[in-house]
């Protein structure tokens, strides 16, 4: 049995220059480490996971309506 939680940062729908994005298709990427080391409760043994991220990129299409809901 295992559990973990991952959180994505909130996006204010601004580009890297601080300008509002326009409707269109965007690629969203998350940088994931190659390995993750963890300790199991009750043991002194460390384990390592490799290639554990199934998805690292998504294509997202934003409409003006979606942008309005988030920015207003």
N, C-alpha and C. Protein backbone atom coordinates (compact mmCIF):
# COMPACT_ATOMS: atom_id res chain seq x y z
N UNK A 1 0.85 -1.17 0.00
CA UNK A 1 0.00 0.00 0.00
C UNK A 1 0.90 1.24 0.00
N UNK A 2 0.57 2.19 -0.82
CA UNK A 2 1.37 3.41 -0.87
C UNK A 2 0.48 4.59 -1.17
N UNK A 3 0.98 5.78 -0.95
CA UNK A 3 0.24 7.00 -1.26
C UNK A 3 1.24 8.11 -1.50
N UNK A 4 0.83 9.07 -2.27
CA UNK A 4 1.62 10.27 -2.46
C UNK A 4 0.69 11.36 -2.95
N UNK A 5 1.12 12.57 -2.82
CA UNK A 5 0.34 13.70 -3.30
C UNK A 5 1.25 14.58 -4.14
N UNK A 6 0.71 15.06 -5.22
CA UNK A 6 1.45 15.98 -6.08
C UNK A 6 0.57 17.19 -6.32
N UNK A 7 1.16 18.35 -6.28
CA UNK A 7 0.42 19.58 -6.49
C UNK A 7 1.01 20.34 -7.67
N UNK A 8 0.16 20.88 -8.50
CA UNK A 8 0.59 21.70 -9.61
C UNK A 8 0.41 23.17 -9.23
N UNK A 9 1.33 24.01 -9.62
CA UNK A 9 1.16 25.43 -9.29
C UNK A 9 -0.01 26.03 -10.06
N UNK A 10 -0.67 26.99 -9.43
CA UNK A 10 -1.76 27.69 -10.11
C UNK A 10 -1.16 28.56 -11.21
N UNK A 11 -1.84 28.67 -12.32
CA UNK A 11 -1.37 29.48 -13.44
C UNK A 11 -2.28 30.68 -13.56
N UNK A 12 -1.72 31.87 -13.58
CA UNK A 12 -2.50 33.10 -13.69
C UNK A 12 -2.81 33.46 -15.14
N UNK A 13 -2.55 32.54 -16.06
CA UNK A 13 -2.80 32.72 -17.49
C UNK A 13 -2.02 33.88 -18.09
N UNK A 14 -0.81 34.07 -17.58
CA UNK A 14 0.10 35.06 -18.15
C UNK A 14 1.30 34.32 -18.72
N UNK A 15 1.87 34.88 -19.80
CA UNK A 15 3.02 34.24 -20.41
C UNK A 15 4.29 34.57 -19.63
N UNK A 16 5.42 34.13 -20.13
CA UNK A 16 6.69 34.33 -19.43
C UNK A 16 7.09 35.79 -19.31
N UNK A 17 6.44 36.66 -20.10
CA UNK A 17 6.70 38.10 -20.01
C UNK A 17 5.68 38.84 -19.17
N UNK A 18 4.76 38.08 -18.55
CA UNK A 18 3.74 38.70 -17.70
C UNK A 18 2.53 39.21 -18.46
N UNK A 19 2.44 38.90 -19.75
CA UNK A 19 1.31 39.35 -20.56
C UNK A 19 0.21 38.28 -20.57
N UNK A 20 -1.05 38.71 -20.60
CA UNK A 20 -2.15 37.73 -20.63
C UNK A 20 -2.07 36.86 -21.88
N UNK A 21 -2.39 35.59 -21.73
CA UNK A 21 -2.40 34.69 -22.88
C UNK A 21 -3.66 34.95 -23.70
N UNK A 22 -3.61 34.53 -24.95
CA UNK A 22 -4.77 34.65 -25.83
C UNK A 22 -5.31 33.24 -26.07
N UNK A 23 -6.56 33.12 -26.51
CA UNK A 23 -7.10 31.79 -26.78
C UNK A 23 -6.21 31.05 -27.78
N UNK A 24 -6.07 29.76 -27.60
CA UNK A 24 -5.25 28.96 -28.50
C UNK A 24 -4.78 27.70 -27.83
N UNK A 25 -3.90 26.97 -28.51
CA UNK A 25 -3.35 25.73 -27.99
C UNK A 25 -2.01 25.99 -27.32
N UNK A 26 -1.83 25.38 -26.16
CA UNK A 26 -0.60 25.55 -25.40
C UNK A 26 -0.11 24.16 -24.98
N UNK A 27 1.19 24.04 -24.84
CA UNK A 27 1.78 22.82 -24.32
C UNK A 27 2.21 23.08 -22.89
N UNK A 28 1.74 22.25 -21.99
CA UNK A 28 2.06 22.38 -20.58
C UNK A 28 3.04 21.26 -20.24
N UNK A 29 4.16 21.62 -19.63
CA UNK A 29 5.18 20.64 -19.26
C UNK A 29 5.46 20.71 -17.77
N UNK A 30 5.74 19.57 -17.21
CA UNK A 30 6.17 19.49 -15.81
C UNK A 30 7.54 18.83 -15.81
N UNK A 31 8.48 19.44 -15.13
CA UNK A 31 9.81 18.87 -15.03
C UNK A 31 9.80 17.88 -13.87
N UNK A 32 10.09 16.64 -14.20
CA UNK A 32 10.04 15.56 -13.22
C UNK A 32 11.46 15.01 -13.07
N UNK A 33 11.91 14.78 -11.84
CA UNK A 33 13.26 14.22 -11.68
C UNK A 33 13.32 12.80 -12.25
N UNK A 34 14.52 12.38 -12.63
CA UNK A 34 14.71 11.03 -13.17
C UNK A 34 14.50 9.95 -12.11
N UNK A 35 14.82 10.27 -10.88
CA UNK A 35 14.64 9.30 -9.79
C UNK A 35 14.03 9.99 -8.58
N UNK A 36 13.42 9.19 -7.74
CA UNK A 36 12.85 9.67 -6.49
C UNK A 36 13.23 8.67 -5.40
N UNK A 37 13.91 9.15 -4.37
CA UNK A 37 14.31 8.28 -3.27
C UNK A 37 13.34 8.49 -2.11
N UNK A 38 12.95 7.38 -1.48
CA UNK A 38 12.02 7.48 -0.37
C UNK A 38 12.35 6.42 0.68
N UNK A 39 11.87 6.67 1.89
CA UNK A 39 12.02 5.73 3.01
C UNK A 39 10.64 5.23 3.40
N UNK A 40 10.55 3.95 3.66
CA UNK A 40 9.28 3.37 4.11
C UNK A 40 9.19 3.47 5.62
N UNK A 41 8.01 3.84 6.12
CA UNK A 41 7.82 3.94 7.56
C UNK A 41 8.11 2.60 8.22
N UNK A 42 8.81 2.66 9.32
CA UNK A 42 9.09 1.44 10.08
C UNK A 42 10.30 0.67 9.59
N UNK A 43 10.99 1.16 8.55
CA UNK A 43 12.20 0.47 8.09
C UNK A 43 13.32 1.49 7.95
N UNK A 44 14.52 0.99 7.88
CA UNK A 44 15.68 1.87 7.69
C UNK A 44 16.20 1.77 6.26
N UNK A 45 15.40 1.16 5.38
CA UNK A 45 15.82 0.92 4.01
C UNK A 45 15.30 2.03 3.11
N UNK A 46 16.17 2.60 2.30
CA UNK A 46 15.75 3.59 1.32
C UNK A 46 15.50 2.89 -0.01
N UNK A 47 14.47 3.31 -0.70
CA UNK A 47 14.14 2.76 -2.02
C UNK A 47 14.26 3.88 -3.04
N UNK A 48 14.43 3.52 -4.30
CA UNK A 48 14.53 4.51 -5.38
C UNK A 48 13.59 4.12 -6.50
N UNK A 49 12.80 5.07 -6.94
CA UNK A 49 11.94 4.89 -8.11
C UNK A 49 12.61 5.56 -9.30
N UNK A 50 12.53 4.93 -10.45
CA UNK A 50 13.04 5.54 -11.68
C UNK A 50 11.93 5.53 -12.73
N UNK A 51 11.95 6.53 -13.59
CA UNK A 51 10.97 6.65 -14.67
C UNK A 51 9.55 6.47 -14.16
N UNK A 52 9.20 7.18 -13.09
CA UNK A 52 7.89 7.01 -12.46
C UNK A 52 6.82 7.95 -13.01
N UNK A 53 7.20 8.91 -13.82
CA UNK A 53 6.22 9.85 -14.35
C UNK A 53 5.71 9.36 -15.70
N UNK A 54 4.46 8.99 -15.74
CA UNK A 54 3.88 8.49 -16.99
C UNK A 54 3.66 9.63 -17.98
N UNK A 55 3.21 10.78 -17.48
CA UNK A 55 2.94 11.92 -18.34
C UNK A 55 3.77 13.11 -17.87
N UNK A 56 4.38 13.80 -18.82
CA UNK A 56 5.15 15.00 -18.48
C UNK A 56 4.73 16.20 -19.30
N UNK A 57 3.95 15.97 -20.36
CA UNK A 57 3.49 17.08 -21.20
C UNK A 57 2.03 16.87 -21.58
N UNK A 58 1.31 17.97 -21.65
CA UNK A 58 -0.08 17.94 -22.06
C UNK A 58 -0.31 19.05 -23.07
N UNK A 59 -1.19 18.82 -24.00
CA UNK A 59 -1.66 19.87 -24.89
C UNK A 59 -2.98 20.37 -24.33
N UNK A 60 -3.06 21.69 -24.16
CA UNK A 60 -4.24 22.30 -23.57
C UNK A 60 -4.74 23.37 -24.52
N UNK A 61 -6.04 23.35 -24.78
CA UNK A 61 -6.63 24.40 -25.61
C UNK A 61 -7.47 25.29 -24.71
N UNK A 62 -7.15 26.59 -24.71
CA UNK A 62 -7.87 27.56 -23.90
C UNK A 62 -8.80 28.38 -24.78
N UNK A 63 -10.03 28.53 -24.34
CA UNK A 63 -10.99 29.39 -25.04
C UNK A 63 -11.07 30.73 -24.31
N UNK A 64 -11.59 31.72 -24.98
CA UNK A 64 -11.76 33.04 -24.32
C UNK A 64 -12.66 32.93 -23.11
N UNK A 65 -13.68 32.09 -23.18
CA UNK A 65 -14.60 31.91 -22.05
C UNK A 65 -13.85 31.36 -20.83
N UNK A 66 -12.97 30.38 -21.03
CA UNK A 66 -12.18 29.84 -19.93
C UNK A 66 -11.26 30.90 -19.35
N UNK A 67 -10.63 31.68 -20.21
CA UNK A 67 -9.74 32.75 -19.75
C UNK A 67 -10.52 33.76 -18.93
N UNK A 68 -11.70 34.12 -19.39
CA UNK A 68 -12.54 35.09 -18.66
C UNK A 68 -12.91 34.59 -17.28
N UNK A 69 -13.26 33.31 -17.16
CA UNK A 69 -13.65 32.74 -15.86
C UNK A 69 -12.50 32.77 -14.87
N UNK A 70 -11.30 32.56 -15.34
CA UNK A 70 -10.14 32.51 -14.44
C UNK A 70 -9.64 33.90 -14.09
N UNK A 71 -9.68 34.83 -15.03
CA UNK A 71 -9.09 36.14 -14.81
C UNK A 71 -10.07 37.18 -14.28
N UNK A 72 -11.35 36.87 -14.29
CA UNK A 72 -12.34 37.87 -13.81
C UNK A 72 -12.89 37.48 -12.47
